[in-house]
N, C-alpha and C. Protein backbone atom coordinates (compact mmCIF):
# COMPACT_ATOMS: atom_id res chain seq x y z
N MET A 1 -16.59 2.27 -20.63
CA MET A 1 -17.70 1.92 -19.77
C MET A 1 -17.69 2.83 -18.55
N PRO A 2 -18.78 3.56 -18.30
CA PRO A 2 -18.80 4.48 -17.16
C PRO A 2 -18.68 3.72 -15.84
N LEU A 3 -18.00 4.37 -14.91
CA LEU A 3 -17.83 3.79 -13.58
C LEU A 3 -19.12 3.94 -12.78
N PRO A 4 -19.52 2.92 -12.03
CA PRO A 4 -20.69 3.06 -11.16
C PRO A 4 -20.28 3.90 -9.95
N LEU A 5 -20.85 5.05 -9.82
CA LEU A 5 -20.49 5.95 -8.73
C LEU A 5 -21.65 6.09 -7.76
N ARG A 6 -21.33 5.94 -6.50
CA ARG A 6 -22.35 6.11 -5.47
C ARG A 6 -22.39 7.57 -5.07
N ILE A 7 -23.51 8.20 -5.28
CA ILE A 7 -23.69 9.58 -4.87
C ILE A 7 -24.75 9.59 -3.78
N PRO A 8 -24.35 10.03 -2.56
CA PRO A 8 -25.33 10.06 -1.47
C PRO A 8 -26.53 10.92 -1.84
N PRO A 9 -27.69 10.66 -1.22
CA PRO A 9 -28.90 11.40 -1.55
C PRO A 9 -28.74 12.91 -1.44
N GLU A 10 -27.93 13.38 -0.49
CA GLU A 10 -27.79 14.82 -0.33
C GLU A 10 -27.06 15.47 -1.51
N THR A 11 -26.42 14.66 -2.37
CA THR A 11 -25.75 15.21 -3.55
C THR A 11 -26.28 14.59 -4.84
N SER A 12 -27.50 14.10 -4.81
CA SER A 12 -28.07 13.51 -6.02
C SER A 12 -28.35 14.61 -7.05
N PRO A 13 -28.47 14.22 -8.33
CA PRO A 13 -28.68 15.23 -9.37
C PRO A 13 -29.82 16.19 -9.03
N THR A 14 -29.59 17.44 -9.36
CA THR A 14 -30.53 18.49 -9.01
C THR A 14 -30.63 19.50 -10.13
N SER A 15 -31.64 20.36 -10.06
CA SER A 15 -31.77 21.41 -11.05
C SER A 15 -30.98 22.65 -10.64
N ASP A 16 -30.44 22.68 -9.43
CA ASP A 16 -29.62 23.79 -8.96
C ASP A 16 -28.28 23.74 -9.68
N PRO A 17 -27.93 24.78 -10.46
CA PRO A 17 -26.69 24.74 -11.23
C PRO A 17 -25.43 24.66 -10.37
N VAL A 18 -25.45 25.28 -9.21
CA VAL A 18 -24.29 25.22 -8.32
C VAL A 18 -24.11 23.79 -7.81
N GLN A 19 -25.19 23.18 -7.36
CA GLN A 19 -25.12 21.81 -6.87
C GLN A 19 -24.73 20.86 -7.99
N ALA A 20 -25.23 21.12 -9.19
CA ALA A 20 -24.86 20.28 -10.33
C ALA A 20 -23.36 20.36 -10.60
N SER A 21 -22.77 21.55 -10.47
CA SER A 21 -21.32 21.70 -10.64
C SER A 21 -20.56 20.95 -9.57
N ILE A 22 -21.03 21.04 -8.34
CA ILE A 22 -20.40 20.32 -7.24
C ILE A 22 -20.48 18.81 -7.48
N ASP A 23 -21.63 18.35 -7.94
CA ASP A 23 -21.80 16.92 -8.24
C ASP A 23 -20.81 16.46 -9.30
N ARG A 24 -20.62 17.28 -10.35
CA ARG A 24 -19.67 16.92 -11.40
C ARG A 24 -18.25 16.88 -10.86
N LEU A 25 -17.90 17.83 -10.01
CA LEU A 25 -16.57 17.85 -9.40
C LEU A 25 -16.36 16.63 -8.51
N ARG A 26 -17.40 16.24 -7.80
CA ARG A 26 -17.31 15.07 -6.92
C ARG A 26 -17.09 13.80 -7.74
N VAL A 27 -17.81 13.67 -8.83
CA VAL A 27 -17.65 12.51 -9.70
C VAL A 27 -16.23 12.51 -10.28
N SER A 28 -15.73 13.67 -10.67
CA SER A 28 -14.37 13.77 -11.19
C SER A 28 -13.35 13.39 -10.13
N PHE A 29 -13.58 13.82 -8.88
CA PHE A 29 -12.70 13.45 -7.78
C PHE A 29 -12.66 11.93 -7.61
N VAL A 30 -13.83 11.30 -7.64
CA VAL A 30 -13.90 9.85 -7.47
C VAL A 30 -13.14 9.15 -8.61
N GLU A 31 -13.33 9.60 -9.84
CA GLU A 31 -12.65 8.99 -10.97
C GLU A 31 -11.13 9.12 -10.84
N ARG A 32 -10.65 10.32 -10.47
CA ARG A 32 -9.20 10.52 -10.28
C ARG A 32 -8.69 9.65 -9.13
N SER A 33 -9.48 9.56 -8.07
CA SER A 33 -9.07 8.76 -6.92
C SER A 33 -8.95 7.28 -7.27
N LEU A 34 -9.85 6.80 -8.10
CA LEU A 34 -9.75 5.40 -8.54
C LEU A 34 -8.51 5.21 -9.42
N GLY A 35 -8.15 6.22 -10.19
CA GLY A 35 -6.90 6.17 -10.95
C GLY A 35 -5.70 6.13 -10.02
N ASN A 36 -5.75 6.94 -8.95
CA ASN A 36 -4.68 6.93 -7.95
C ASN A 36 -4.59 5.56 -7.28
N LEU A 37 -5.73 4.96 -7.03
CA LEU A 37 -5.76 3.63 -6.42
C LEU A 37 -5.00 2.64 -7.30
N ALA A 38 -5.23 2.68 -8.59
CA ALA A 38 -4.54 1.76 -9.51
C ALA A 38 -3.03 1.99 -9.48
N ILE A 39 -2.61 3.24 -9.40
CA ILE A 39 -1.18 3.56 -9.34
C ILE A 39 -0.56 3.01 -8.06
N ILE A 40 -1.24 3.21 -6.94
CA ILE A 40 -0.71 2.73 -5.66
C ILE A 40 -0.68 1.21 -5.62
N GLU A 41 -1.73 0.57 -6.12
CA GLU A 41 -1.75 -0.90 -6.14
C GLU A 41 -0.59 -1.44 -6.98
N GLU A 42 -0.29 -0.77 -8.08
CA GLU A 42 0.83 -1.19 -8.93
C GLU A 42 2.15 -1.04 -8.16
N MET A 43 2.27 0.05 -7.40
CA MET A 43 3.47 0.25 -6.59
C MET A 43 3.64 -0.87 -5.57
N LEU A 44 2.55 -1.26 -4.95
CA LEU A 44 2.61 -2.28 -3.90
C LEU A 44 2.86 -3.67 -4.47
N ASP A 45 2.50 -3.87 -5.71
CA ASP A 45 2.62 -5.19 -6.33
C ASP A 45 4.01 -5.41 -6.91
N GLY A 46 4.80 -6.17 -6.22
CA GLY A 46 6.08 -6.58 -6.78
C GLY A 46 7.27 -5.70 -6.48
N HIS A 47 7.11 -4.66 -5.72
CA HIS A 47 8.25 -3.82 -5.37
C HIS A 47 8.69 -4.13 -3.95
N GLU A 48 9.91 -4.58 -3.84
CA GLU A 48 10.42 -4.96 -2.53
C GLU A 48 10.83 -3.75 -1.70
N ARG A 49 11.37 -2.72 -2.32
CA ARG A 49 11.84 -1.55 -1.59
C ARG A 49 10.99 -0.34 -1.94
N LEU A 50 9.87 -0.22 -1.27
CA LEU A 50 8.96 0.89 -1.53
C LEU A 50 9.58 2.24 -1.15
N THR A 51 10.45 2.25 -0.16
CA THR A 51 11.06 3.51 0.24
C THR A 51 11.88 4.10 -0.90
N GLU A 52 12.60 3.26 -1.62
CA GLU A 52 13.38 3.74 -2.77
C GLU A 52 12.46 4.20 -3.90
N LEU A 53 11.41 3.44 -4.13
CA LEU A 53 10.44 3.80 -5.16
C LEU A 53 9.77 5.14 -4.83
N ALA A 54 9.37 5.31 -3.58
CA ALA A 54 8.72 6.55 -3.15
C ALA A 54 9.67 7.73 -3.25
N ALA A 55 10.92 7.53 -2.86
CA ALA A 55 11.91 8.60 -2.91
C ALA A 55 12.16 9.08 -4.34
N SER A 56 12.02 8.18 -5.30
CA SER A 56 12.26 8.54 -6.69
C SER A 56 10.99 9.00 -7.41
N ASN A 57 9.88 9.10 -6.67
CA ASN A 57 8.60 9.46 -7.28
C ASN A 57 7.96 10.61 -6.51
N PRO A 58 8.38 11.86 -6.78
CA PRO A 58 7.81 13.00 -6.06
C PRO A 58 6.31 13.18 -6.32
N GLY A 59 5.81 12.58 -7.36
CA GLY A 59 4.37 12.67 -7.65
C GLY A 59 3.53 12.00 -6.58
N LEU A 60 4.13 11.06 -5.85
CA LEU A 60 3.40 10.39 -4.78
C LEU A 60 3.07 11.36 -3.65
N ILE A 61 3.99 12.25 -3.33
CA ILE A 61 3.72 13.27 -2.31
C ILE A 61 2.59 14.17 -2.78
N GLN A 62 2.63 14.58 -4.02
CA GLN A 62 1.58 15.45 -4.56
C GLN A 62 0.23 14.74 -4.54
N MET A 63 0.21 13.45 -4.89
CA MET A 63 -1.03 12.69 -4.86
C MET A 63 -1.58 12.65 -3.44
N ALA A 64 -0.72 12.34 -2.47
CA ALA A 64 -1.15 12.27 -1.08
C ALA A 64 -1.66 13.63 -0.61
N HIS A 65 -0.95 14.68 -0.98
CA HIS A 65 -1.35 16.04 -0.58
C HIS A 65 -2.72 16.41 -1.17
N THR A 66 -2.92 16.10 -2.42
CA THR A 66 -4.19 16.40 -3.08
C THR A 66 -5.34 15.64 -2.43
N LEU A 67 -5.12 14.36 -2.17
CA LEU A 67 -6.16 13.56 -1.50
C LEU A 67 -6.44 14.10 -0.11
N ALA A 68 -5.40 14.46 0.62
CA ALA A 68 -5.57 14.98 1.97
C ALA A 68 -6.38 16.27 1.96
N GLY A 69 -6.15 17.10 0.97
CA GLY A 69 -6.82 18.40 0.93
C GLY A 69 -8.22 18.39 0.34
N SER A 70 -8.49 17.49 -0.57
CA SER A 70 -9.77 17.57 -1.27
C SER A 70 -10.79 16.50 -0.90
N ALA A 71 -10.37 15.41 -0.33
CA ALA A 71 -11.29 14.30 -0.06
C ALA A 71 -12.43 14.71 0.88
N GLY A 72 -12.11 15.44 1.93
CA GLY A 72 -13.14 15.85 2.88
C GLY A 72 -14.19 16.76 2.26
N ILE A 73 -13.76 17.60 1.33
CA ILE A 73 -14.68 18.51 0.66
C ILE A 73 -15.78 17.74 -0.06
N PHE A 74 -15.42 16.57 -0.59
CA PHE A 74 -16.37 15.78 -1.37
C PHE A 74 -17.02 14.67 -0.56
N GLY A 75 -16.83 14.70 0.76
CA GLY A 75 -17.53 13.76 1.63
C GLY A 75 -16.78 12.47 1.93
N PHE A 76 -15.45 12.50 1.79
CA PHE A 76 -14.64 11.31 2.05
C PHE A 76 -13.55 11.63 3.07
N PRO A 77 -13.92 11.94 4.30
CA PRO A 77 -12.91 12.36 5.29
C PRO A 77 -11.88 11.27 5.60
N ASP A 78 -12.27 10.01 5.52
CA ASP A 78 -11.31 8.94 5.82
C ASP A 78 -10.21 8.85 4.77
N ILE A 79 -10.56 9.13 3.52
CA ILE A 79 -9.55 9.18 2.46
C ILE A 79 -8.62 10.36 2.72
N GLY A 80 -9.19 11.48 3.12
CA GLY A 80 -8.38 12.65 3.43
C GLY A 80 -7.39 12.39 4.56
N GLU A 81 -7.85 11.71 5.60
CA GLU A 81 -6.96 11.38 6.72
C GLU A 81 -5.85 10.43 6.28
N ALA A 82 -6.20 9.44 5.48
CA ALA A 82 -5.19 8.48 5.01
C ALA A 82 -4.18 9.17 4.09
N GLY A 83 -4.66 10.07 3.25
CA GLY A 83 -3.75 10.83 2.39
C GLY A 83 -2.82 11.72 3.19
N ALA A 84 -3.36 12.36 4.23
CA ALA A 84 -2.55 13.22 5.09
C ALA A 84 -1.48 12.42 5.81
N GLU A 85 -1.86 11.25 6.30
CA GLU A 85 -0.89 10.40 7.00
C GLU A 85 0.25 9.99 6.06
N LEU A 86 -0.10 9.61 4.85
CA LEU A 86 0.92 9.24 3.87
C LEU A 86 1.82 10.43 3.56
N GLU A 87 1.24 11.59 3.39
CA GLU A 87 2.03 12.79 3.08
C GLU A 87 3.02 13.09 4.19
N VAL A 88 2.59 13.00 5.45
CA VAL A 88 3.48 13.26 6.58
C VAL A 88 4.67 12.30 6.54
N ILE A 89 4.40 11.04 6.29
CA ILE A 89 5.48 10.05 6.23
C ILE A 89 6.44 10.37 5.10
N LEU A 90 5.90 10.67 3.92
CA LEU A 90 6.75 10.92 2.75
C LEU A 90 7.58 12.19 2.89
N ARG A 91 7.13 13.14 3.67
CA ARG A 91 7.88 14.40 3.84
C ARG A 91 8.97 14.29 4.90
N GLN A 92 9.02 13.19 5.62
CA GLN A 92 10.09 12.98 6.59
C GLN A 92 11.39 12.70 5.82
N PRO A 93 12.53 13.17 6.36
CA PRO A 93 13.80 12.90 5.67
C PRO A 93 14.08 11.40 5.54
N GLU A 94 13.67 10.63 6.53
CA GLU A 94 13.82 9.18 6.48
C GLU A 94 12.56 8.55 7.04
N PHE A 95 12.14 7.47 6.43
CA PHE A 95 10.98 6.73 6.93
C PHE A 95 11.21 5.26 6.67
N SER A 96 10.56 4.45 7.48
CA SER A 96 10.78 3.00 7.36
C SER A 96 9.88 2.40 6.30
N GLU A 97 10.33 1.28 5.82
CA GLU A 97 9.55 0.51 4.85
C GLU A 97 8.19 0.13 5.46
N ALA A 98 8.21 -0.27 6.73
CA ALA A 98 6.98 -0.72 7.40
C ALA A 98 5.95 0.41 7.52
N GLU A 99 6.38 1.61 7.91
CA GLU A 99 5.41 2.69 8.06
C GLU A 99 4.88 3.16 6.70
N LEU A 100 5.72 3.14 5.68
CA LEU A 100 5.26 3.49 4.34
C LEU A 100 4.26 2.46 3.84
N GLN A 101 4.58 1.19 4.01
CA GLN A 101 3.67 0.13 3.56
C GLN A 101 2.33 0.22 4.28
N ARG A 102 2.37 0.46 5.59
CA ARG A 102 1.13 0.56 6.36
C ARG A 102 0.28 1.73 5.86
N ALA A 103 0.90 2.89 5.67
CA ALA A 103 0.16 4.07 5.21
C ALA A 103 -0.44 3.85 3.82
N LEU A 104 0.32 3.22 2.94
CA LEU A 104 -0.19 2.93 1.61
C LEU A 104 -1.36 1.95 1.66
N LYS A 105 -1.25 0.94 2.51
CA LYS A 105 -2.34 -0.04 2.62
C LYS A 105 -3.60 0.59 3.19
N VAL A 106 -3.45 1.49 4.15
CA VAL A 106 -4.62 2.19 4.70
C VAL A 106 -5.27 3.03 3.60
N LEU A 107 -4.46 3.73 2.83
CA LEU A 107 -5.01 4.55 1.75
C LEU A 107 -5.70 3.68 0.70
N VAL A 108 -5.10 2.55 0.36
CA VAL A 108 -5.71 1.63 -0.60
C VAL A 108 -7.07 1.15 -0.07
N ALA A 109 -7.12 0.80 1.20
CA ALA A 109 -8.38 0.33 1.79
C ALA A 109 -9.46 1.41 1.70
N GLU A 110 -9.08 2.65 1.98
CA GLU A 110 -10.08 3.73 1.91
C GLU A 110 -10.49 4.02 0.47
N LEU A 111 -9.54 4.07 -0.44
CA LEU A 111 -9.88 4.32 -1.84
C LEU A 111 -10.71 3.19 -2.43
N SER A 112 -10.47 1.97 -1.96
CA SER A 112 -11.22 0.81 -2.48
C SER A 112 -12.70 0.91 -2.15
N LYS A 113 -13.05 1.65 -1.13
CA LYS A 113 -14.46 1.83 -0.77
C LYS A 113 -15.23 2.64 -1.82
N LEU A 114 -14.50 3.29 -2.71
CA LEU A 114 -15.16 4.07 -3.77
C LEU A 114 -15.78 3.20 -4.85
N HIS A 115 -15.38 1.94 -4.93
CA HIS A 115 -15.92 1.02 -5.95
C HIS A 115 -17.37 0.75 -5.72
């Protein structure tokens, strides 16, 4: 079942092939981001020590980095900021459970707006 995606009027379907490519990339970004949301929600559900889970999952840093770098390009600057904040925390040699949980919850809140 296709996901209902909100495309602002400035990026609605067009006959311009360049804009059409950008629109497809934006839809792909949203779909991947919703997949990331599911992964993060699963992490938050039932794990008492997120710091240990995050330390053993280098893919989380890559996910945060990708969101930080690409979200603004597709019109989601708040997701980009939340991803950047999470990446900064994860790249620290040590971080607290509370700051990791807060950053993840902010990112979840921003990604949830894509629904």
